[in-house]
């Protein structure tokens, strides 16, 4: 498959989640992503993240975020390691890191520190709070951003405690945002011959994703609050409903969908009630409408409602994780991928992007330093040089 980023080389000083998730998108799209891993710490800490390991120095967690990458073990703090790094940078299009905000300057990973090697170089920085404020040196993780940016206030039942989302969505959104910023900067560098720094932080992305509730508050002081059953703050009905044997989620976002729901429910009283005749009316009279809908949905099992409404209105079953992944639709659409791995086939989720209608290919990330010999030879290091670097603890 001809991939859009083929021929692009990205050096990634990264570990764990957000940064590797973003650079994996770039690798999936064809970029040569070279992970720089510290040989004295066991490399990316995700290699030791359990509970499911794939032999020494590898895990299912690590492979989840590092498909299609290469690994170069390198001590950037040793002069000889820095020399290798700079030679590698001269062959690269971008340097990406997800270090604490005060570290890129200290390690010389900025455009100011590297542009003399290649003026068109792009330097992408993903950090917790950014590099240019009083929190630059603060460590930070996804859950902290969910707490401070208001997500936990918005998630869960109204009478429940603050609740985080079940997945580290701020990490993932920040990784993809960084991949977008890096890609945009590469386009600019290709046009002008000059690179730049691009910065993305977990905190900024978390705030930006507040979207319209943020706009509502900033312009009118309206504080969006939780609704029962994960309901939408302003559109009704748009929420979870219990059925006779489970749960479904129903979204009547338009008048057309509401009318389709009324046809299937065969509820003339709802259809003739003037309080529910418009989107605004249904929102205003939510408390009167929802008990009637809840009673109707509880009368039949989920399969009945899905058969009657799927394709007519937006509706979905509320699935446990195993049911979600065992869904025949997931396999039929190619969203499951099997990677060759020394421990045996490794099943993972495919990249959601298609190129010319085809899913992107996948390759398991190799052991730490597996690409040392090939990359260093390409950079002009002979076998004796490589052996000496290894002996000195640089590799």
Foldseek 3Di string as FASTA:
>chain_A
DDFPQAPAEEEEAEADFQQLQLVVVVLLRHYAYEYEFAPVPLGHCQLVDDDAHLPPSHGPRVQQRHWNYEFAYFDLVDPVRVVLVLLVQLSHQEYEYEDQLQVCVVSQQFCVSRCVSFQLYAYEYEYAPHNPDPCSRPHDAQVVLCVPLCVQQADDAQPDHRDDDPDSVLSHQQSNVSSVVRVVQSVVCVVPVGGHYDYTHSNVSSNVVVPPQVVCCVVPVDHQGYHPQRQDRQFPPFHWAQAQPAIKTFDPPDPQLVVLVCVLLVDVVLVPDPQNNDRNSCRVPVVVPVVVVNVSRHHHDPVVCCVSCPPRGDMDGDDDPVCVCPPPVCVVQPQWDWEDDPSGTDIHGFDPDDDPSHTGDTYGYDRHNPCNVVSVVVSPDDPVRSVVCVVVSRD
